[in-house]
Amino acid sequence: MRLLILVFVISIGFSSVKGMHQEADFSQLQDLQEISKSNNINIHEFKVYVKQEKVEMSLEAIKSGLKEMKKRKPSFIWTEENDGHHTTIEGNTNRHNKIKEKVRIYVTPHQKGYKVTYTYEVIGNEIDLALETELEGVPFEYEQNNQYITVKGKSLNEAKLDDLREKLLIDFDAEKVEGLNEVGFNSISVLSEKWDTKLKLDESKSMNLQIGLRESGTQGIDVTIGTPIIITEY
């Protein structure tokens, strides 16, 4: 089992920065779903993760924002913990018993005010249901390139691993940037023309999509696809 370490993302950032959004844009999730379906990949799990930081905020602004957030998430159950140095506020819901949404706000003193880290996470096992209900949306402003989406599934056809990899590259209109090729396992970082956001790897390389393929004996191929990177074990 391989676990992708995400620390480097914070330091190198994206080369294409869009404006701030408050309503979630899950169009990339729909792209992943449609291309998976066209390749006879049965998706059994998806994850959306959004993160945004703000610094030098006042307590008044934080309290006002939290009050508005709770209005936007009336179905959430909220908890708060304070250890004397930082405060963690968390809201959870298990809508439809198949899709879980979570909001976490982490507040710490910072210079003359406070630093606030907002995260939003959705985990589900039925993408169609998620798209139809449109969830409840991200309850804080965020930059689109701070959104990470991953889907996991299994190939239901008898295609070989290499053939499936090449077909996905074509369907995503993508070129391979780098990757790992082992017996029964492929992990590739690619640059797709479908989306504007790009994660810079170095001065000459960028990516916005990662594909992991693992042969599962006679059970087909396990498929994990993430944009701009995979954020789960694969």
Protein backbone atom coordinates (compact mmCIF):
# COMPACT_ATOMS: atom_id res chain seq x y z
CA MET A 1 0.00 0.00 0.00
CA ARG A 2 1.36 3.40 -0.97
CA LEU A 3 0.55 6.66 0.79
CA LEU A 4 1.14 9.93 -1.01
CA ILE A 5 2.74 12.55 1.21
CA LEU A 6 1.14 15.94 0.67
CA VAL A 7 3.50 18.25 2.56
CA PHE A 8 5.29 19.43 -0.58
CA VAL A 9 2.09 20.87 -2.01
CA ILE A 10 1.99 23.63 0.59
CA SER A 11 5.45 24.90 -0.28
CA ILE A 12 5.41 24.84 -4.08
CA GLY A 13 1.82 25.87 -4.80
CA PHE A 14 0.05 26.22 -8.12
CA SER A 15 1.02 28.13 -11.22
CA SER A 16 -2.57 29.06 -12.08
CA VAL A 17 -4.56 30.86 -9.39
CA LYS A 18 -8.25 31.52 -9.75
CA GLY A 19 -10.44 33.79 -7.67
CA MET A 20 -12.10 33.02 -4.39
CA HIS A 21 -15.16 30.79 -4.39
CA GLN A 22 -17.81 30.15 -1.79
CA GLU A 23 -20.04 27.70 -3.63
CA ALA A 24 -18.29 24.39 -4.30
CA ASP A 25 -17.35 23.60 -7.87
CA PHE A 26 -17.44 19.82 -8.23
CA SER A 27 -17.21 19.81 -12.04
CA GLN A 28 -13.86 17.99 -11.83
CA LEU A 29 -15.56 15.24 -9.84
CA GLN A 30 -18.06 14.89 -12.66
CA ASP A 31 -15.22 14.68 -15.20
CA LEU A 32 -13.59 11.89 -13.21
CA GLN A 33 -16.90 10.07 -12.98
CA GLU A 34 -17.70 10.32 -16.68
CA ILE A 35 -14.28 9.17 -17.88
CA SER A 36 -14.24 6.33 -15.37
CA LYS A 37 -17.65 5.21 -16.55
CA SER A 38 -16.60 5.34 -20.21
CA ASN A 39 -13.73 2.98 -19.34
CA ASN A 40 -15.99 0.57 -17.48
CA ILE A 41 -14.54 1.53 -14.11
CA ASN A 42 -16.98 1.09 -11.24
CA ILE A 43 -16.31 3.86 -8.69
CA HIS A 44 -16.97 2.81 -5.11
CA GLU A 45 -15.53 5.77 -3.21
CA PHE A 46 -14.81 9.47 -3.70
CA LYS A 47 -13.25 12.18 -1.60
CA VAL A 48 -13.23 15.98 -1.85
CA TYR A 49 -10.89 18.04 0.31
CA VAL A 50 -10.66 21.85 0.46
CA LYS A 51 -8.28 23.91 2.57
CA GLN A 52 -7.93 27.66 3.05
CA GLU A 53 -5.93 29.77 5.49
CA LYS A 54 -6.42 33.34 6.68
CA VAL A 55 -4.09 35.35 8.92
CA GLU A 56 -4.35 38.38 11.20
CA MET A 57 -8.07 37.89 11.75
CA SER A 58 -9.84 39.50 14.70
CA LEU A 59 -11.94 37.52 17.17
CA GLU A 60 -14.96 39.51 16.06
CA ALA A 61 -14.44 38.48 12.43
CA ILE A 62 -13.93 34.84 13.40
CA LYS A 63 -17.09 34.75 15.53
CA SER A 64 -19.11 36.48 12.81
CA GLY A 65 -17.84 34.04 10.19
CA LEU A 66 -18.61 31.04 12.37
CA LYS A 67 -22.14 32.29 13.02
CA GLU A 68 -22.73 32.64 9.28
CA MET A 69 -21.18 29.21 8.65
CA LYS A 70 -23.55 27.54 11.08
CA LYS A 71 -26.47 29.17 9.28
CA ARG A 72 -25.21 27.70 6.01
CA LYS A 73 -24.87 24.24 7.60
CA PRO A 74 -28.04 23.83 9.69
CA SER A 75 -27.88 20.02 9.52
CA PHE A 76 -24.38 19.91 11.03
CA ILE A 77 -23.60 18.94 14.61
CA TRP A 78 -20.96 21.35 15.93
CA THR A 79 -18.35 20.81 18.64
CA GLU A 80 -15.63 23.07 20.04
CA GLU A 81 -12.40 22.32 21.90
CA ASN A 82 -9.93 24.76 23.44
CA ASP A 83 -6.62 23.75 25.05
CA GLY A 84 -5.65 27.26 26.12
CA HIS A 85 -3.53 27.91 23.04
CA HIS A 86 -5.66 26.97 20.05
CA THR A 87 -9.32 26.32 19.35
CA THR A 88 -10.72 23.60 17.09
CA ILE A 89 -14.30 23.89 15.87
CA GLU A 90 -15.77 20.97 13.95
CA GLY A 91 -19.05 20.36 12.19
CA ASN A 92 -20.17 16.93 10.98
CA THR A 93 -23.08 15.35 9.20
CA ASN A 94 -23.86 11.91 7.80
CA ARG A 95 -26.33 12.84 5.11
CA HIS A 96 -28.08 9.92 3.41
CA ASN A 97 -25.83 7.61 5.46
CA LYS A 98 -23.62 7.35 2.37
CA ILE A 99 -22.06 10.79 2.14
CA LYS A 100 -20.16 12.34 5.03
CA GLU A 101 -19.35 16.04 5.17
CA LYS A 102 -17.00 17.61 7.69
CA VAL A 103 -15.90 21.20 8.35
CA ARG A 104 -12.99 21.97 10.66
CA ILE A 105 -11.79 25.41 11.79
CA TYR A 106 -8.44 25.62 13.57
CA VAL A 107 -7.70 28.96 15.31
CA THR A 108 -4.29 29.96 16.75
CA PRO A 109 -2.82 33.30 17.88
CA HIS A 110 -0.83 34.96 15.10
CA GLN A 111 1.02 38.27 15.45
CA LYS A 112 -1.61 40.93 16.26
CA GLY A 113 -4.58 38.69 15.52
CA TYR A 114 -5.33 35.05 14.77
CA LYS A 115 -4.53 32.54 12.08
CA VAL A 116 -7.50 30.48 10.94
CA THR A 117 -7.25 27.27 8.92
CA TYR A 118 -10.48 26.09 7.31
CA THR A 119 -10.91 22.59 5.90
CA TYR A 120 -13.88 20.95 4.23
CA GLU A 121 -14.07 17.24 3.48
CA VAL A 122 -16.58 15.03 1.73
CA ILE A 123 -16.33 11.24 1.62
CA GLY A 124 -18.91 9.11 -0.14
CA ASN A 125 -19.52 5.93 -2.03
CA GLU A 126 -22.13 7.03 -4.53
CA ILE A 127 -21.04 9.85 -6.84
CA ASP A 128 -24.40 10.05 -8.61
CA LEU A 129 -26.10 10.78 -5.31
CA ALA A 130 -23.55 13.45 -4.44
CA LEU A 131 -23.95 15.23 -7.76
CA GLU A 132 -27.73 15.12 -7.68
CA THR A 133 -28.01 16.65 -4.23
CA GLU A 134 -25.04 19.03 -4.81
CA LEU A 135 -24.21 18.47 -1.16
CA GLU A 136 -24.42 21.62 0.97
CA GLY A 137 -21.42 23.42 -0.47
CA VAL A 138 -18.20 24.69 1.03
CA PRO A 139 -19.17 27.17 3.79
CA PHE A 140 -16.10 29.41 3.45
CA GLU A 141 -14.37 31.29 0.67
CA TYR A 142 -11.52 29.40 -0.94
CA GLU A 143 -9.30 29.39 -3.99
CA GLN A 144 -10.29 26.75 -6.54
CA ASN A 145 -6.75 25.44 -6.65
CA ASN A 146 -7.01 24.51 -2.96
CA GLN A 147 -9.51 21.79 -3.85
CA TYR A 148 -8.46 18.14 -4.13
CA ILE A 149 -10.63 15.37 -5.55
CA THR A 150 -9.96 11.63 -5.61
CA VAL A 151 -12.04 8.68 -6.82
CA LYS A 152 -11.40 4.97 -6.27
CA GLY A 153 -12.86 2.07 -8.20
CA LYS A 154 -12.28 -1.14 -10.08
CA SER A 155 -11.96 -1.83 -13.79
CA LEU A 156 -14.71 -4.22 -14.85
CA ASN A 157 -13.29 -5.11 -18.26
CA GLU A 158 -10.44 -7.42 -19.16
CA ALA A 159 -8.07 -4.70 -20.37
CA LYS A 160 -4.42 -5.00 -19.43
CA LEU A 161 -2.97 -2.49 -17.03
CA ASP A 162 -0.80 -0.77 -19.67
CA ASP A 163 -3.73 -0.57 -22.11
CA LEU A 164 -6.01 0.99 -19.47
CA ARG A 165 -3.32 3.54 -18.55
CA GLU A 166 -2.90 4.64 -22.17
CA LYS A 167 -6.67 4.84 -22.71
CA LEU A 168 -7.08 7.06 -19.63
CA LEU A 169 -4.32 9.35 -20.87
CA ILE A 170 -6.17 9.78 -24.15
CA ASP A 171 -9.55 10.38 -22.51
CA PHE A 172 -8.13 12.94 -20.08
CA ASP A 173 -6.30 14.66 -22.95
CA ALA A 174 -3.16 14.29 -20.85
CA GLU A 175 0.57 13.78 -21.20
CA LYS A 176 2.68 11.81 -18.76
CA VAL A 177 5.06 13.97 -16.70
CA GLU A 178 6.62 11.32 -14.46
CA GLY A 179 5.73 8.04 -12.90
CA LEU A 180 6.50 4.74 -11.26
CA ASN A 181 6.16 1.50 -13.23
CA GLU A 182 6.39 -1.80 -11.37
CA VAL A 183 5.08 -5.28 -12.06
CA GLY A 184 1.35 -5.07 -11.50
CA PHE A 185 1.41 -1.42 -10.42
CA ASN A 186 1.57 1.97 -12.18
CA SER A 187 1.49 5.45 -10.65
CA ILE A 188 1.75 8.35 -13.07
CA SER A 189 1.63 12.12 -12.74
CA VAL A 190 0.19 13.78 -15.82
CA LEU A 191 -0.83 17.16 -17.19
CA SER A 192 -4.38 17.28 -18.51
CA GLU A 193 -5.67 19.96 -20.85
CA LYS A 194 -9.12 19.67 -19.25
CA TRP A 195 -8.30 21.98 -16.33
CA ASP A 196 -6.41 25.25 -15.91
CA THR A 197 -4.85 24.60 -12.50
CA LYS A 198 -1.33 23.23 -12.51
CA LEU A 199 0.92 21.99 -9.73
CA LYS A 200 4.55 22.93 -10.44
CA LEU A 201 6.98 20.09 -9.82
CA ASP A 202 10.03 22.10 -10.90
CA GLU A 203 10.89 24.87 -13.35
CA SER A 204 10.02 22.74 -16.36
CA LYS A 205 7.37 20.28 -15.12
CA SER A 206 3.76 20.74 -14.04
CA MET A 207 0.93 18.32 -13.31
CA ASN A 208 -2.77 18.40 -12.44
CA LEU A 209 -3.78 14.74 -12.42
CA GLN A 210 -2.49 11.53 -10.86
CA ILE A 211 -3.49 7.99 -11.81
CA GLY A 212 -2.76 4.84 -9.81
CA LEU A 213 -3.43 1.37 -11.24
CA ARG A 214 -2.90 -1.89 -9.37
CA GLU A 215 -3.60 -5.40 -10.61
CA SER A 216 -5.81 -7.31 -8.20
CA GLY A 217 -5.16 -10.91 -9.22
CA THR A 218 -8.19 -12.30 -11.00
CA GLN A 219 -10.33 -9.47 -9.61
CA GLY A 220 -9.39 -6.91 -12.28
CA ILE A 221 -7.52 -3.63 -11.76
CA ASP A 222 -7.91 -1.29 -8.77
CA VAL A 223 -8.06 2.30 -10.05
CA THR A 224 -7.38 5.51 -8.13
CA ILE A 225 -7.54 8.90 -9.87
CA GLY A 226 -6.99 12.29 -8.26
CA THR A 227 -6.75 15.92 -9.27
CA PRO A 228 -4.39 17.60 -8.88
CA ILE A 229 -2.99 14.70 -6.83
CA ILE A 230 -4.31 11.57 -5.12
CA ILE A 231 -5.09 12.24 -1.46
CA THR A 232 -5.82 8.69 -0.27
CA GLU A 233 -3.87 5.49 0.11
CA TYR A 234 -3.54 3.48 -3.05
